[in-house]
Amino acid sequence: MKIAIAALAAAAAVTSFAGAAGAQPLARDASWGAINARQAQIEQRIDRGAARGDLTRREAARLQAESRQIARLEARYRIGGLSQPERADLARRLDRLEAQVAFERHDRQARRG
């Protein structure tokens, strides 16, 4: 009986440790949600611009491809946890994409047909 209780206690300790270790990268990387939220906002702007005719199909496709490229890079960076230089790189790339979206939406090119 004592062996079974000890085994259950050990299993509970391992489970709680594994849960804490699994949550640790998210706690260490507080910018995770901010980066994803920013990417989602930019993608919504691209979609709205395409729907309203502010972006041509070619412009929208190019901007969406750039957004996907940033998402792939972010996924590679997250494998080992985001470092400060990696966060700065992603922020810089998102800044550039955001500026491109704003420029293309206001360049007075209209979508045809």
N, C-alpha and C. Protein backbone atom coordinates (compact mmCIF):
# COMPACT_ATOMS: atom_id res chain seq x y z
N MET A 1 0.82 -1.19 0.00
CA MET A 1 0.00 0.00 0.00
C MET A 1 0.87 1.26 0.00
N LYS A 2 1.91 1.25 0.84
CA LYS A 2 2.79 2.41 0.91
C LYS A 2 3.51 2.62 -0.42
N ILE A 3 3.82 1.52 -1.10
CA ILE A 3 4.50 1.62 -2.39
C ILE A 3 3.57 2.27 -3.42
N ALA A 4 2.29 1.90 -3.40
CA ALA A 4 1.32 2.47 -4.35
C ALA A 4 1.15 3.97 -4.09
N ILE A 5 1.08 4.35 -2.81
CA ILE A 5 0.92 5.76 -2.48
C ILE A 5 2.16 6.55 -2.90
N ALA A 6 3.33 5.97 -2.66
CA ALA A 6 4.57 6.63 -3.05
C ALA A 6 4.64 6.77 -4.57
N ALA A 7 4.19 5.73 -5.29
CA ALA A 7 4.19 5.79 -6.76
C ALA A 7 3.24 6.87 -7.26
N LEU A 8 2.06 6.98 -6.64
CA LEU A 8 1.11 8.01 -7.03
C LEU A 8 1.65 9.41 -6.74
N ALA A 9 2.29 9.56 -5.60
CA ALA A 9 2.87 10.85 -5.23
C ALA A 9 3.98 11.23 -6.22
N ALA A 10 4.80 10.27 -6.59
CA ALA A 10 5.87 10.53 -7.55
C ALA A 10 5.30 10.91 -8.91
N ALA A 11 4.25 10.20 -9.33
CA ALA A 11 3.62 10.51 -10.62
C ALA A 11 3.01 11.91 -10.60
N ALA A 12 2.39 12.28 -9.48
CA ALA A 12 1.80 13.61 -9.37
C ALA A 12 2.89 14.69 -9.43
N ALA A 13 4.02 14.43 -8.78
CA ALA A 13 5.11 15.40 -8.78
C ALA A 13 5.68 15.57 -10.18
N VAL A 14 5.85 14.46 -10.89
CA VAL A 14 6.38 14.52 -12.26
C VAL A 14 5.40 15.25 -13.17
N THR A 15 4.12 14.97 -13.02
CA THR A 15 3.10 15.62 -13.84
C THR A 15 3.07 17.11 -13.59
N SER A 16 3.12 17.52 -12.32
CA SER A 16 3.08 18.95 -12.03
C SER A 16 4.36 19.64 -12.52
N PHE A 17 5.50 18.96 -12.43
CA PHE A 17 6.75 19.54 -12.93
C PHE A 17 6.70 19.69 -14.44
N ALA A 18 6.18 18.67 -15.13
CA ALA A 18 6.09 18.73 -16.59
C ALA A 18 5.14 19.84 -17.02
N GLY A 19 4.06 20.02 -16.28
CA GLY A 19 3.12 21.10 -16.60
C GLY A 19 3.77 22.45 -16.42
N ALA A 20 4.53 22.62 -15.34
CA ALA A 20 5.20 23.88 -15.10
C ALA A 20 6.29 24.13 -16.15
N ALA A 21 7.00 23.08 -16.53
CA ALA A 21 8.04 23.23 -17.54
C ALA A 21 7.43 23.56 -18.90
N GLY A 22 6.26 22.99 -19.20
CA GLY A 22 5.60 23.27 -20.46
C GLY A 22 5.10 24.70 -20.53
N ALA A 23 4.71 25.26 -19.38
CA ALA A 23 4.21 26.63 -19.35
C ALA A 23 5.34 27.65 -19.32
N GLN A 24 6.52 27.22 -18.95
CA GLN A 24 7.63 28.14 -18.77
C GLN A 24 7.98 28.95 -20.01
N PRO A 25 8.07 28.37 -21.21
CA PRO A 25 8.41 29.19 -22.36
C PRO A 25 7.42 30.32 -22.61
N LEU A 26 6.13 30.06 -22.36
CA LEU A 26 5.15 31.12 -22.56
C LEU A 26 5.35 32.24 -21.54
N ALA A 27 5.65 31.87 -20.29
CA ALA A 27 5.88 32.88 -19.28
C ALA A 27 7.15 33.67 -19.59
N ARG A 28 8.17 33.00 -20.06
CA ARG A 28 9.43 33.65 -20.39
C ARG A 28 9.28 34.55 -21.61
N ASP A 29 8.40 34.17 -22.51
CA ASP A 29 8.23 34.90 -23.76
C ASP A 29 6.88 35.62 -23.76
N ALA A 30 6.82 36.73 -23.05
CA ALA A 30 5.58 37.47 -22.92
C ALA A 30 5.15 38.13 -24.22
N SER A 31 6.06 38.29 -25.18
CA SER A 31 5.73 38.98 -26.42
C SER A 31 4.99 38.08 -27.41
N TRP A 32 4.81 36.81 -27.08
CA TRP A 32 4.17 35.86 -27.99
C TRP A 32 2.83 36.37 -28.47
N GLY A 33 1.99 36.75 -27.53
CA GLY A 33 0.65 37.22 -27.90
C GLY A 33 0.68 38.52 -28.66
N ALA A 34 1.60 39.40 -28.29
CA ALA A 34 1.68 40.70 -28.95
C ALA A 34 2.10 40.55 -30.41
N ILE A 35 3.04 39.68 -30.67
CA ILE A 35 3.50 39.48 -32.05
C ILE A 35 2.37 38.89 -32.89
N ASN A 36 1.70 37.88 -32.36
CA ASN A 36 0.62 37.25 -33.12
C ASN A 36 -0.55 38.21 -33.33
N ALA A 37 -0.85 39.03 -32.32
CA ALA A 37 -1.94 40.00 -32.46
C ALA A 37 -1.60 41.02 -33.55
N ARG A 38 -0.37 41.44 -33.56
CA ARG A 38 0.06 42.42 -34.56
C ARG A 38 0.00 41.82 -35.96
N GLN A 39 0.44 40.57 -36.10
CA GLN A 39 0.36 39.91 -37.40
C GLN A 39 -1.08 39.81 -37.86
N ALA A 40 -1.97 39.46 -36.94
CA ALA A 40 -3.39 39.33 -37.28
C ALA A 40 -3.97 40.67 -37.73
N GLN A 41 -3.60 41.76 -37.06
CA GLN A 41 -4.08 43.08 -37.45
C GLN A 41 -3.61 43.46 -38.85
N ILE A 42 -2.36 43.18 -39.13
CA ILE A 42 -1.83 43.51 -40.45
C ILE A 42 -2.54 42.69 -41.53
N GLU A 43 -2.76 41.40 -41.26
CA GLU A 43 -3.46 40.55 -42.23
C GLU A 43 -4.88 41.03 -42.45
N GLN A 44 -5.54 41.51 -41.38
CA GLN A 44 -6.89 42.06 -41.54
C GLN A 44 -6.87 43.31 -42.41
N ARG A 45 -5.86 44.14 -42.25
CA ARG A 45 -5.75 45.35 -43.08
C ARG A 45 -5.57 44.98 -44.55
N ILE A 46 -4.77 43.94 -44.78
CA ILE A 46 -4.57 43.48 -46.16
C ILE A 46 -5.89 42.99 -46.72
N ASP A 47 -6.60 42.16 -45.95
CA ASP A 47 -7.89 41.62 -46.41
C ASP A 47 -8.90 42.73 -46.67
N ARG A 48 -8.97 43.70 -45.75
CA ARG A 48 -9.90 44.83 -45.94
C ARG A 48 -9.53 45.65 -47.17
N GLY A 49 -8.24 45.88 -47.35
CA GLY A 49 -7.80 46.64 -48.52
C GLY A 49 -8.14 45.94 -49.81
N ALA A 50 -7.99 44.63 -49.83
CA ALA A 50 -8.32 43.86 -51.03
C ALA A 50 -9.83 43.88 -51.26
N ALA A 51 -10.61 43.73 -50.20
CA ALA A 51 -12.07 43.70 -50.33
C ALA A 51 -12.62 45.05 -50.78
N ARG A 52 -12.05 46.14 -50.31
CA ARG A 52 -12.53 47.48 -50.65
C ARG A 52 -11.99 47.98 -51.98
N GLY A 53 -11.01 47.28 -52.53
CA GLY A 53 -10.44 47.71 -53.80
C GLY A 53 -9.27 48.66 -53.63
N ASP A 54 -8.83 48.88 -52.38
CA ASP A 54 -7.67 49.74 -52.13
C ASP A 54 -6.38 49.07 -52.58
N LEU A 55 -6.38 47.75 -52.62
CA LEU A 55 -5.21 46.97 -53.05
C LEU A 55 -5.57 46.20 -54.32
N THR A 56 -4.66 46.18 -55.26
CA THR A 56 -4.85 45.32 -56.41
C THR A 56 -4.62 43.88 -55.98
N ARG A 57 -5.02 42.95 -56.81
CA ARG A 57 -4.80 41.54 -56.46
C ARG A 57 -3.31 41.23 -56.30
N ARG A 58 -2.52 41.81 -57.18
CA ARG A 58 -1.07 41.58 -57.13
C ARG A 58 -0.49 42.15 -55.83
N GLU A 59 -0.90 43.35 -55.45
CA GLU A 59 -0.41 43.95 -54.21
C GLU A 59 -0.81 43.10 -53.00
N ALA A 60 -2.08 42.70 -52.97
CA ALA A 60 -2.55 41.89 -51.85
C ALA A 60 -1.80 40.57 -51.77
N ALA A 61 -1.58 39.93 -52.90
CA ALA A 61 -0.87 38.65 -52.91
C ALA A 61 0.57 38.82 -52.42
N ARG A 62 1.21 39.88 -52.84
CA ARG A 62 2.60 40.13 -52.42
C ARG A 62 2.66 40.40 -50.92
N LEU A 63 1.73 41.20 -50.41
CA LEU A 63 1.72 41.51 -48.98
C LEU A 63 1.40 40.28 -48.14
N GLN A 64 0.46 39.46 -48.62
CA GLN A 64 0.14 38.22 -47.91
C GLN A 64 1.32 37.26 -47.90
N ALA A 65 2.05 37.19 -49.01
CA ALA A 65 3.24 36.33 -49.06
C ALA A 65 4.29 36.80 -48.06
N GLU A 66 4.46 38.11 -47.96
CA GLU A 66 5.41 38.65 -46.99
C GLU A 66 4.98 38.34 -45.56
N SER A 67 3.68 38.42 -45.30
CA SER A 67 3.16 38.09 -43.97
C SER A 67 3.42 36.62 -43.63
N ARG A 68 3.20 35.74 -44.61
CA ARG A 68 3.46 34.31 -44.38
C ARG A 68 4.94 34.05 -44.14
N GLN A 69 5.80 34.77 -44.86
CA GLN A 69 7.24 34.61 -44.68
C GLN A 69 7.65 35.02 -43.26
N ILE A 70 7.09 36.09 -42.75
CA ILE A 70 7.38 36.52 -41.38
C ILE A 70 6.87 35.47 -40.39
N ALA A 71 5.70 34.91 -40.64
CA ALA A 71 5.15 33.88 -39.75
C ALA A 71 6.06 32.64 -39.73
N ARG A 72 6.59 32.26 -40.89
CA ARG A 72 7.50 31.10 -40.93
C ARG A 72 8.79 31.40 -40.17
N LEU A 73 9.30 32.60 -40.33
CA LEU A 73 10.51 32.99 -39.61
C LEU A 73 10.25 32.98 -38.11
N GLU A 74 9.11 33.50 -37.70
CA GLU A 74 8.76 33.50 -36.28
C GLU A 74 8.71 32.07 -35.73
N ALA A 75 8.13 31.16 -36.50
CA ALA A 75 8.05 29.77 -36.05
C ALA A 75 9.44 29.18 -35.87
N ARG A 76 10.36 29.50 -36.78
CA ARG A 76 11.74 29.01 -36.63
C ARG A 76 12.39 29.61 -35.39
N TYR A 77 12.19 30.89 -35.17
CA TYR A 77 12.76 31.55 -34.00
C TYR A 77 12.22 30.94 -32.70
N ARG A 78 10.94 30.60 -32.69
CA ARG A 78 10.31 30.11 -31.46
C ARG A 78 10.79 28.71 -31.05
N ILE A 79 11.41 27.99 -31.92
CA ILE A 79 11.86 26.64 -31.59
C ILE A 79 12.76 26.66 -30.36
N GLY A 80 13.67 27.59 -30.30
CA GLY A 80 14.56 27.69 -29.14
C GLY A 80 14.14 28.77 -28.16
N GLY A 81 13.01 29.40 -28.39
CA GLY A 81 12.58 30.52 -27.57
C GLY A 81 13.09 31.81 -28.20
N LEU A 82 12.26 32.83 -28.18
CA LEU A 82 12.63 34.09 -28.82
C LEU A 82 13.67 34.84 -27.99
N SER A 83 14.76 35.19 -28.62
CA SER A 83 15.76 36.04 -27.97
C SER A 83 15.41 37.50 -28.25
N GLN A 84 16.04 38.40 -27.54
CA GLN A 84 15.77 39.82 -27.76
C GLN A 84 16.12 40.26 -29.19
N PRO A 85 17.25 39.83 -29.77
CA PRO A 85 17.52 40.21 -31.17
C PRO A 85 16.48 39.64 -32.14
N GLU A 86 15.97 38.45 -31.87
CA GLU A 86 14.94 37.85 -32.74
C GLU A 86 13.64 38.64 -32.62
N ARG A 87 13.27 39.04 -31.41
CA ARG A 87 12.08 39.88 -31.23
C ARG A 87 12.23 41.19 -32.00
N ALA A 88 13.42 41.79 -31.91
CA ALA A 88 13.68 43.06 -32.60
C ALA A 88 13.59 42.86 -34.11
N ASP A 89 14.11 41.75 -34.61
CA ASP A 89 14.05 41.46 -36.04
C ASP A 89 12.60 41.32 -36.50
N LEU A 90 11.79 40.56 -35.73
CA LEU A 90 10.39 40.39 -36.09
C LEU A 90 9.66 41.73 -36.05
N ALA A 91 9.93 42.54 -35.02
CA ALA A 91 9.28 43.85 -34.91
C ALA A 91 9.64 44.73 -36.10
N ARG A 92 10.90 44.71 -36.50
CA ARG A 92 11.35 45.50 -37.64
C ARG A 92 10.67 45.04 -38.92
N ARG A 93 10.57 43.73 -39.11
CA ARG A 93 9.91 43.20 -40.30
C ARG A 93 8.42 43.54 -40.32
N LEU A 94 7.78 43.46 -39.14
CA LEU A 94 6.37 43.82 -39.06
C LEU A 94 6.17 45.32 -39.30
N ASP A 95 7.08 46.14 -38.80
CA ASP A 95 7.03 47.58 -39.07
C ASP A 95 7.06 47.84 -40.57
N ARG A 96 8.00 47.18 -41.24
CA ARG A 96 8.16 47.36 -42.68
C ARG A 96 6.91 46.91 -43.43
N LEU A 97 6.36 45.75 -43.04
CA LEU A 97 5.15 45.24 -43.70
C LEU A 97 3.98 46.19 -43.46
N GLU A 98 3.86 46.68 -42.25
CA GLU A 98 2.78 47.61 -41.92
C GLU A 98 2.88 48.88 -42.78
N ALA A 99 4.09 49.38 -42.95
CA ALA A 99 4.29 50.57 -43.78
C ALA A 99 3.96 50.27 -45.24
N GLN A 100 4.33 49.08 -45.71
CA GLN A 100 4.02 48.70 -47.10
C GLN A 100 2.51 48.62 -47.32
N VAL A 101 1.81 48.04 -46.34
CA VAL A 101 0.35 47.93 -46.45
C VAL A 101 -0.27 49.32 -46.53
N ALA A 102 0.14 50.21 -45.63
CA ALA A 102 -0.39 51.58 -45.63
C ALA A 102 -0.10 52.28 -46.95
N PHE A 103 1.13 52.15 -47.44
CA PHE A 103 1.49 52.80 -48.70
C PHE A 103 0.65 52.27 -49.85
N GLU A 104 0.56 50.95 -49.95
CA GLU A 104 -0.17 50.35 -51.08
C GLU A 104 -1.67 50.66 -51.01
N ARG A 105 -2.21 50.74 -49.81
CA ARG A 105 -3.65 51.04 -49.68
C ARG A 105 -3.96 52.48 -50.08
N HIS A 106 -2.97 53.36 -50.00
CA HIS A 106 -3.23 54.78 -50.26
C HIS A 106 -2.53 55.30 -51.52
N ASP A 107 -2.08 54.39 -52.37
CA ASP A 107 -1.36 54.84 -53.57
C ASP A 107 -2.28 55.14 -54.75
N ARG A 108 -3.58 55.11 -54.51
CA ARG A 108 -4.60 55.47 -55.50
C ARG A 108 -4.65 54.55 -56.70
N GLN A 109 -4.11 53.36 -56.57
CA GLN A 109 -4.29 52.35 -57.62
C GLN A 109 -5.58 51.62 -57.29
N ALA A 110 -6.45 51.50 -58.25
CA ALA A 110 -7.71 50.82 -58.02
C ALA A 110 -7.67 49.42 -58.59
N ARG A 111 -8.34 48.53 -57.90
CA ARG A 111 -8.45 47.16 -58.40
C ARG A 111 -9.36 47.19 -59.61
N ARG A 112 -9.00 46.44 -60.60
CA ARG A 112 -9.81 46.37 -61.82
C ARG A 112 -10.76 45.20 -61.73
N GLY A 113 -11.98 45.44 -62.19
CA GLY A 113 -12.98 44.40 -62.34
C GLY A 113 -13.27 43.69 -61.11
